[in-house]
C-alpha cells in the first residue's frame, strides 16, 4: 500500500502548469515538483489545503463547476 500523487494529471486536465500552481498557491517549488514526480515522502496539511484551494480557483476561472479535493492530488493504492 502506498500513496500515489496524481497532481500532474490534474494539472494537465486543467491546462495549468506547475509553475502557475507554485505562484498562485505559494507552495514551495520543490514541494510541487516532488509531487508531480512522485518523490514526496510527506506533506504539510497546510500545503495540501493550499493546493486544493488553488486547483478550485483555477477551475472557477475556467468555468469548471467540478470541485477538486485531495484525491485530485494524491490517491491511496493497496498493492
PDB file of N, CA and C in Angstrom:
ATOM      1  N   UNK A   1       0.834  -1.181   0.000  1.00  0.00           N
ATOM      2  CA  UNK A   1       0.000   0.000   0.000  1.00  0.00           C
ATOM      3  C   UNK A   1       0.878   1.244   0.000  1.00  0.00           C
ATOM      4  N   UNK A   2       0.406   2.247  -0.721  1.00  0.00           N
ATOM      5  CA  UNK A   2       1.169   3.481  -0.794  1.00  0.00           C
ATOM      6  C   UNK A   2       0.295   4.602  -1.333  1.00  0.00           C
ATOM      7  N   UNK A   3       0.785   5.793  -1.177  1.00  0.00           N
ATOM      8  CA  UNK A   3       0.122   6.958  -1.740  1.00  0.00           C
ATOM      9  C   UNK A   3       0.788   7.244  -3.086  1.00  0.00           C
ATOM     10  N   UNK A   4      -0.037   7.562  -4.078  1.00  0.00           N
ATOM     11  CA  UNK A   4       0.489   7.931  -5.388  1.00  0.00           C
ATOM     12  C   UNK A   4      -0.048   9.311  -5.730  1.00  0.00           C
ATOM     13  N   UNK A   5       0.843  10.173  -6.139  1.00  0.00           N
ATOM     14  CA  UNK A   5       0.444  11.534  -6.485  1.00  0.00           C
ATOM     15  C   UNK A   5      -0.064  11.587  -7.916  1.00  0.00           C
ATOM     16  N   UNK A   6      -1.221  12.206  -8.092  1.00  0.00           N
ATOM     17  CA  UNK A   6      -1.854  12.356  -9.400  1.00  0.00           C
ATOM     18  C   UNK A   6      -1.976  13.836  -9.774  1.00  0.00           C
ATOM     19  N   UNK A   7      -1.209  14.659  -9.091  1.00  0.00           N
ATOM     20  CA  UNK A   7      -1.257  16.100  -9.327  1.00  0.00           C
ATOM     21  C   UNK A   7      -0.917  16.446 -10.769  1.00  0.00           C
ATOM     22  N   UNK A   8       0.051  15.765 -11.342  1.00  0.00           N
ATOM     23  CA  UNK A   8       0.452  16.043 -12.728  1.00  0.00           C
ATOM     24  C   UNK A   8      -0.738  15.893 -13.670  1.00  0.00           C
ATOM     25  N   UNK A   9      -1.497  14.809 -13.523  1.00  0.00           N
ATOM     26  CA  UNK A   9      -2.659  14.562 -14.369  1.00  0.00           C
ATOM     27  C   UNK A   9      -3.740  15.625 -14.157  1.00  0.00           C
ATOM     28  N   UNK A  10      -3.933  16.020 -12.914  1.00  0.00           N
ATOM     29  CA  UNK A  10      -4.929  17.048 -12.600  1.00  0.00           C
ATOM     30  C   UNK A  10      -4.548  18.370 -13.245  1.00  0.00           C
ATOM     31  N   UNK A  11      -3.278  18.732 -13.156  1.00  0.00           N
ATOM     32  CA  UNK A  11      -2.825  19.980 -13.782  1.00  0.00           C
ATOM     33  C   UNK A  11      -3.001  19.914 -15.294  1.00  0.00           C
ATOM     34  N   UNK A  12      -2.715  18.757 -15.887  1.00  0.00           N
ATOM     35  CA  UNK A  12      -2.913  18.599 -17.330  1.00  0.00           C
ATOM     36  C   UNK A  12      -4.387  18.768 -17.697  1.00  0.00           C
ATOM     37  N   UNK A  13      -5.276  18.191 -16.889  1.00  0.00           N
ATOM     38  CA  UNK A  13      -6.718  18.327 -17.135  1.00  0.00           C
ATOM     39  C   UNK A  13      -7.164  19.782 -17.083  1.00  0.00           C
ATOM     40  N   UNK A  14      -6.551  20.559 -16.191  1.00  0.00           N
ATOM     41  CA  UNK A  14      -6.892  21.972 -16.053  1.00  0.00           C
ATOM     42  C   UNK A  14      -6.112  22.863 -17.019  1.00  0.00           C
ATOM     43  N   UNK A  15      -5.162  22.262 -17.726  1.00  0.00           N
ATOM     44  CA  UNK A  15      -4.273  23.029 -18.616  1.00  0.00           C
ATOM     45  C   UNK A  15      -3.543  24.129 -17.832  1.00  0.00           C
ATOM     46  N   UNK A  16      -3.012  23.728 -16.676  1.00  0.00           N
ATOM     47  CA  UNK A  16      -2.289  24.628 -15.779  1.00  0.00           C
ATOM     48  C   UNK A  16      -0.879  24.074 -15.597  1.00  0.00           C
ATOM     49  N   UNK A  17       0.106  24.934 -15.624  1.00  0.00           N
ATOM     50  CA  UNK A  17       1.485  24.483 -15.439  1.00  0.00           C
ATOM     51  C   UNK A  17       1.819  24.382 -13.947  1.00  0.00           C
ATOM     52  N   UNK A  18       2.847  23.611 -13.668  1.00  0.00           N
ATOM     53  CA  UNK A  18       3.329  23.501 -12.293  1.00  0.00           C
ATOM     54  C   UNK A  18       3.764  24.877 -11.787  1.00  0.00           C
ATOM     55  N   UNK A  19       4.379  25.649 -12.651  1.00  0.00           N
ATOM     56  CA  UNK A  19       4.829  26.990 -12.263  1.00  0.00           C
ATOM     57  C   UNK A  19       3.638  27.867 -11.865  1.00  0.00           C
ATOM     58  N   UNK A  20       2.554  27.796 -12.626  1.00  0.00           N
ATOM     59  CA  UNK A  20       1.364  28.580 -12.274  1.00  0.00           C
ATOM     60  C   UNK A  20       0.833  28.165 -10.905  1.00  0.00           C
ATOM     61  N   UNK A  21       0.844  26.868 -10.627  1.00  0.00           N
ATOM     62  CA  UNK A  21       0.392  26.372  -9.325  1.00  0.00           C
ATOM     63  C   UNK A  21       1.297  26.873  -8.210  1.00  0.00           C
ATOM     64  N   UNK A  22       2.596  26.837  -8.432  1.00  0.00           N
ATOM     65  CA  UNK A  22       3.554  27.318  -7.430  1.00  0.00           C
ATOM     66  C   UNK A  22       3.276  28.782  -7.089  1.00  0.00           C
ATOM     67  N   UNK A  23       3.133  29.602  -8.122  1.00  0.00           N
ATOM     68  CA  UNK A  23       2.946  31.040  -7.916  1.00  0.00           C
ATOM     69  C   UNK A  23       1.645  31.322  -7.185  1.00  0.00           C
ATOM     70  N   UNK A  24       0.558  30.721  -7.638  1.00  0.00           N
ATOM     71  CA  UNK A  24      -0.754  31.038  -7.073  1.00  0.00           C
ATOM     72  C   UNK A  24      -0.979  30.400  -5.699  1.00  0.00           C
ATOM     73  N   UNK A  25      -0.452  29.199  -5.487  1.00  0.00           N
ATOM     74  CA  UNK A  25      -0.670  28.505  -4.207  1.00  0.00           C
ATOM     75  C   UNK A  25       0.302  28.944  -3.130  1.00  0.00           C
ATOM     76  N   UNK A  26       1.433  29.517  -3.546  1.00  0.00           N
ATOM     77  CA  UNK A  26       2.504  29.912  -2.626  1.00  0.00           C
ATOM     78  C   UNK A  26       3.105  28.713  -1.884  1.00  0.00           C
ATOM     79  N   UNK A  27       3.042  27.545  -2.523  1.00  0.00           N
ATOM     80  CA  UNK A  27       3.704  26.350  -2.006  1.00  0.00           C
ATOM     81  C   UNK A  27       5.065  26.266  -2.688  1.00  0.00           C
ATOM     82  N   UNK A  28       6.074  25.875  -1.937  1.00  0.00           N
ATOM     83  CA  UNK A  28       7.438  25.815  -2.474  1.00  0.00           C
ATOM     84  C   UNK A  28       7.507  25.029  -3.778  1.00  0.00           C
ATOM     85  N   UNK A  29       8.317  25.527  -4.694  1.00  0.00           N
ATOM     86  CA  UNK A  29       8.504  24.886  -5.998  1.00  0.00           C
ATOM     87  C   UNK A  29       8.918  23.430  -5.840  1.00  0.00           C
ATOM     88  N   UNK A  30       9.881  23.162  -4.977  1.00  0.00           N
ATOM     89  CA  UNK A  30      10.373  21.787  -4.802  1.00  0.00           C
ATOM     90  C   UNK A  30       9.271  20.863  -4.306  1.00  0.00           C
ATOM     91  N   UNK A  31       8.392  21.375  -3.460  1.00  0.00           N
ATOM     92  CA  UNK A  31       7.280  20.566  -2.949  1.00  0.00           C
ATOM     93  C   UNK A  31       6.364  20.152  -4.088  1.00  0.00           C
ATOM     94  N   UNK A  32       5.989  21.103  -4.940  1.00  0.00           N
ATOM     95  CA  UNK A  32       5.106  20.819  -6.073  1.00  0.00           C
ATOM     96  C   UNK A  32       5.781  19.858  -7.055  1.00  0.00           C
ATOM     97  N   UNK A  33       7.020  20.118  -7.401  1.00  0.00           N
ATOM     98  CA  UNK A  33       7.715  19.267  -8.371  1.00  0.00           C
ATOM     99  C   UNK A  33       7.951  17.857  -7.830  1.00  0.00           C
ATOM    100  N   UNK A  34       8.208  17.736  -6.533  1.00  0.00           N
ATOM    101  CA  UNK A  34       8.338  16.398  -5.944  1.00  0.00           C
ATOM    102  C   UNK A  34       7.018  15.630  -6.056  1.00  0.00           C
ATOM    103  N   UNK A  35       5.898  16.311  -5.850  1.00  0.00           N
ATOM    104  CA  UNK A  35       4.594  15.655  -6.004  1.00  0.00           C
ATOM    105  C   UNK A  35       4.385  15.205  -7.447  1.00  0.00           C
ATOM    106  N   UNK A  36       4.692  16.076  -8.368  1.00  0.00           N
ATOM    107  CA  UNK A  36       4.492  15.768  -9.782  1.00  0.00           C
ATOM    108  C   UNK A  36       5.317  14.561 -10.200  1.00  0.00           C
ATOM    109  N   UNK A  37       6.489  14.403  -9.621  1.00  0.00           N
ATOM    110  CA  UNK A  37       7.379  13.297  -9.972  1.00  0.00           C
ATOM    111  C   UNK A  37       7.306  12.142  -8.979  1.00  0.00           C
ATOM    112  N   UNK A  38       6.276  12.161  -8.118  1.00  0.00           N
ATOM    113  CA  UNK A  38       6.045  11.085  -7.145  1.00  0.00           C
ATOM    114  C   UNK A  38       7.238  10.832  -6.241  1.00  0.00           C
ATOM    115  N   UNK A  39       7.906  11.881  -5.820  1.00  0.00           N
ATOM    116  CA  UNK A  39       9.066  11.760  -4.939  1.00  0.00           C
ATOM    117  C   UNK A  39       8.764  12.242  -3.522  1.00  0.00           C
ATOM    118  N   UNK A  40       7.545  12.667  -3.268  1.00  0.00           N
ATOM    119  CA  UNK A  40       7.168  13.222  -1.975  1.00  0.00           C
ATOM    120  C   UNK A  40       7.096  12.120  -0.925  1.00  0.00           C
ATOM    121  N   UNK A  41       7.705  12.354   0.217  1.00  0.00           N
ATOM    122  CA  UNK A  41       7.670  11.403   1.329  1.00  0.00           C
ATOM    123  C   UNK A  41       6.684  11.842   2.410  1.00  0.00           C
ATOM    124  N   UNK A  42       6.440  13.138   2.504  1.00  0.00           N
ATOM    125  CA  UNK A  42       5.476  13.660   3.479  1.00  0.00           C
ATOM    126  C   UNK A  42       4.981  15.005   2.962  1.00  0.00           C
ATOM    127  N   UNK A  43       3.836  15.412   3.493  1.00  0.00           N
ATOM    128  CA  UNK A  43       3.274  16.685   3.052  1.00  0.00           C
ATOM    129  C   UNK A  43       2.628  17.393   4.235  1.00  0.00           C
ATOM    130  N   UNK A  44       2.804  18.682   4.269  1.00  0.00           N
ATOM    131  CA  UNK A  44       2.179  19.508   5.291  1.00  0.00           C
ATOM    132  C   UNK A  44       0.698  19.654   4.963  1.00  0.00           C
ATOM    133  N   UNK A  45      -0.144  19.568   5.974  1.00  0.00           N
ATOM    134  CA  UNK A  45      -1.579  19.701   5.771  1.00  0.00           C
ATOM    135  C   UNK A  45      -1.913  21.068   5.176  1.00  0.00           C
ATOM    136  N   UNK A  46      -1.240  22.108   5.625  1.00  0.00           N
ATOM    137  CA  UNK A  46      -1.483  23.447   5.080  1.00  0.00           C
ATOM    138  C   UNK A  46      -1.160  23.505   3.594  1.00  0.00           C
ATOM    139  N   UNK A  47      -0.092  22.845   3.182  1.00  0.00           N
ATOM    140  CA  UNK A  47       0.258  22.811   1.756  1.00  0.00           C
ATOM    141  C   UNK A  47      -0.829  22.112   0.948  1.00  0.00           C
ATOM    142  N   UNK A  48      -1.329  20.991   1.461  1.00  0.00           N
ATOM    143  CA  UNK A  48      -2.377  20.269   0.751  1.00  0.00           C
ATOM    144  C   UNK A  48      -3.615  21.159   0.611  1.00  0.00           C
ATOM    145  N   UNK A  49      -3.958  21.843   1.675  1.00  0.00           N
ATOM    146  CA  UNK A  49      -5.092  22.761   1.623  1.00  0.00           C
ATOM    147  C   UNK A  49      -4.894  23.867   0.603  1.00  0.00           C
ATOM    148  N   UNK A  50      -3.700  24.431   0.560  1.00  0.00           N
ATOM    149  CA  UNK A  50      -3.406  25.494  -0.406  1.00  0.00           C
ATOM    150  C   UNK A  50      -3.474  24.981  -1.837  1.00  0.00           C
ATOM    151  N   UNK A  51      -2.995  23.782  -2.068  1.00  0.00           N
ATOM    152  CA  UNK A  51      -3.017  23.212  -3.412  1.00  0.00           C
ATOM    153  C   UNK A  51      -4.456  22.963  -3.861  1.00  0.00           C
ATOM    154  N   UNK A  52      -5.263  22.334  -3.017  1.00  0.00           N
ATOM    155  CA  UNK A  52      -6.652  22.043  -3.373  1.00  0.00           C
ATOM    156  C   UNK A  52      -7.427  23.346  -3.585  1.00  0.00           C
ATOM    157  N   UNK A  53      -7.237  24.308  -2.710  1.00  0.00           N
ATOM    158  CA  UNK A  53      -7.903  25.608  -2.859  1.00  0.00           C
ATOM    159  C   UNK A  53      -7.537  26.243  -4.192  1.00  0.00           C
ATOM    160  N   UNK A  54      -6.264  26.187  -4.538  1.00  0.00           N
ATOM    161  CA  UNK A  54      -5.794  26.790  -5.782  1.00  0.00           C
ATOM    162  C   UNK A  54      -6.322  26.049  -7.003  1.00  0.00           C
ATOM    163  N   UNK A  55      -6.384  24.726  -6.945  1.00  0.00           N
ATOM    164  CA  UNK A  55      -6.968  23.965  -8.055  1.00  0.00           C
ATOM    165  C   UNK A  55      -8.415  24.410  -8.285  1.00  0.00           C
ATOM    166  N   UNK A  56      -9.151  24.617  -7.205  1.00  0.00           N
ATOM    167  CA  UNK A  56     -10.532  25.073  -7.325  1.00  0.00           C
ATOM    168  C   UNK A  56     -10.618  26.499  -7.864  1.00  0.00           C
ATOM    169  N   UNK A  57      -9.652  27.335  -7.529  1.00  0.00           N
ATOM    170  CA  UNK A  57      -9.625  28.698  -8.085  1.00  0.00           C
ATOM    171  C   UNK A  57      -9.385  28.651  -9.594  1.00  0.00           C
ATOM    172  N   UNK A  58      -8.455  27.805 -10.032  1.00  0.00           N
ATOM    173  CA  UNK A  58      -8.202  27.656 -11.475  1.00  0.00           C
ATOM    174  C   UNK A  58      -9.465  27.143 -12.172  1.00  0.00           C
ATOM    175  N   UNK A  59     -10.126  26.171 -11.561  1.00  0.00           N
ATOM    176  CA  UNK A  59     -11.350  25.619 -12.157  1.00  0.00           C
ATOM    177  C   UNK A  59     -12.424  26.697 -12.282  1.00  0.00           C
ATOM    178  N   UNK A  60     -12.582  27.487 -11.255  1.00  0.00           N
ATOM    179  CA  UNK A  60     -13.596  28.548 -11.276  1.00  0.00           C
ATOM    180  C   UNK A  60     -13.300  29.552 -12.399  1.00  0.00           C
ATOM    181  N   UNK A  61     -12.051  29.942 -12.540  1.00  0.00           N
ATOM    182  CA  UNK A  61     -11.645  30.878 -13.596  1.00  0.00           C
ATOM    183  C   UNK A  61     -11.992  30.307 -14.971  1.00  0.00           C
ATOM    184  N   UNK A  62     -11.839  28.989 -15.110  1.00  0.00           N
ATOM    185  CA  UNK A  62     -12.089  28.333 -16.395  1.00  0.00           C
ATOM    186  C   UNK A  62     -13.558  27.958 -16.594  1.00  0.00           C
ATOM    187  N   UNK A  63     -14.389  28.248 -15.611  1.00  0.00           N
ATOM    188  CA  UNK A  63     -15.808  27.926 -15.722  1.00  0.00           C
ATOM    189  C   UNK A  63     -16.128  26.468 -15.471  1.00  0.00           C
ATOM    190  N   UNK A  64     -15.217  25.766 -14.818  1.00  0.00           N
ATOM    191  CA  UNK A  64     -15.431  24.358 -14.481  1.00  0.00           C
ATOM    192  C   UNK A  64     -16.161  24.303 -13.147  1.00  0.00           C
ATOM    193  N   UNK A  65     -17.292  23.619 -13.112  1.00  0.00           N
ATOM    194  CA  UNK A  65     -18.116  23.579 -11.906  1.00  0.00           C
ATOM    195  C   UNK A  65     -17.697  22.480 -10.933  1.00  0.00           C
ATOM    196  N   UNK A  66     -16.868  21.587 -11.371  1.00  0.00           N
ATOM    197  CA  UNK A  66     -16.400  20.478 -10.530  1.00  0.00           C
ATOM    198  C   UNK A  66     -15.592  21.003  -9.349  1.00  0.00           C
ATOM    199  N   UNK A  67     -15.752  20.354  -8.185  1.00  0.00           N
ATOM    200  CA  UNK A  67     -14.960  20.680  -7.004  1.00  0.00           C
ATOM    201  C   UNK A  67     -13.795  19.702  -6.909  1.00  0.00           C
ATOM    202  N   UNK A  68     -12.592  20.227  -6.820  1.00  0.00           N
ATOM    203  CA  UNK A  68     -11.404  19.401  -6.657  1.00  0.00           C
ATOM    204  C   UNK A  68     -11.173  19.144  -5.177  1.00  0.00           C
ATOM    205  N   UNK A  69     -10.545  17.991  -4.868  1.00  0.00           N
ATOM    206  CA  UNK A  69     -10.270  17.633  -3.480  1.00  0.00           C
ATOM    207  C   UNK A  69      -8.941  16.888  -3.401  1.00  0.00           C
ATOM    208  N   UNK A  70      -8.661  16.331  -2.254  1.00  0.00           N
ATOM    209  CA  UNK A  70      -7.373  15.669  -2.005  1.00  0.00           C
ATOM    210  C   UNK A  70      -7.110  14.549  -3.013  1.00  0.00           C
ATOM    211  N   UNK A  71      -8.154  13.840  -3.435  1.00  0.00           N
ATOM    212  CA  UNK A  71      -7.976  12.740  -4.383  1.00  0.00           C
ATOM    213  C   UNK A  71      -7.528  13.225  -5.763  1.00  0.00           C
ATOM    214  N   UNK A  72      -7.586  14.509  -5.998  1.00  0.00           N
ATOM    215  CA  UNK A  72      -7.077  15.069  -7.245  1.00  0.00           C
ATOM    216  C   UNK A  72      -5.596  15.418  -7.131  1.00  0.00           C
ATOM    217  N   UNK A  73      -5.053  15.228  -5.942  1.00  0.00           N
ATOM    218  CA  UNK A  73      -3.631  15.471  -5.692  1.00  0.00           C
ATOM    219  C   UNK A  73      -2.916  14.152  -5.424  1.00  0.00           C
ATOM    220  N   UNK A  74      -3.524  13.303  -4.589  1.00  0.00           N
ATOM    221  CA  UNK A  74      -2.920  12.001  -4.289  1.00  0.00           C
ATOM    222  C   UNK A  74      -4.011  10.985  -4.005  1.00  0.00           C
ATOM    223  N   UNK A  75      -3.693   9.725  -4.308  1.00  0.00           N
ATOM    224  CA  UNK A  75      -4.627   8.636  -4.065  1.00  0.00           C
ATOM    225  C   UNK A  75      -3.917   7.505  -3.320  1.00  0.00           C
ATOM    226  N   UNK A  76      -4.713   6.725  -2.630  1.00  0.00           N
ATOM    227  CA  UNK A  76      -4.207   5.572  -1.904  1.00  0.00           C
ATOM    228  C   UNK A  76      -4.303   4.345  -2.797  1.00  0.00           C
ATOM    229  N   UNK A  77      -3.216   3.601  -2.907  1.00  0.00           N
ATOM    230  CA  UNK A  77      -3.210   2.365  -3.677  1.00  0.00           C
ATOM    231  C   UNK A  77      -2.883   1.211  -2.747  1.00  0.00           C
ATOM    232  N   UNK A  78      -3.701   0.182  -2.789  1.00  0.00           N
ATOM    233  CA  UNK A  78      -3.480  -1.016  -1.985  1.00  0.00           C
ATOM    234  C   UNK A  78      -2.945  -2.104  -2.892  1.00  0.00           C
ATOM    235  N   UNK A  79      -1.630  -2.313  -2.843  1.00  0.00           N
ATOM    236  CA  UNK A  79      -0.992  -3.296  -3.742  1.00  0.00           C
ATOM    237  C   UNK A  79      -0.831  -4.622  -3.057  1.00  0.00           C
TER     238      UNK A  79
END
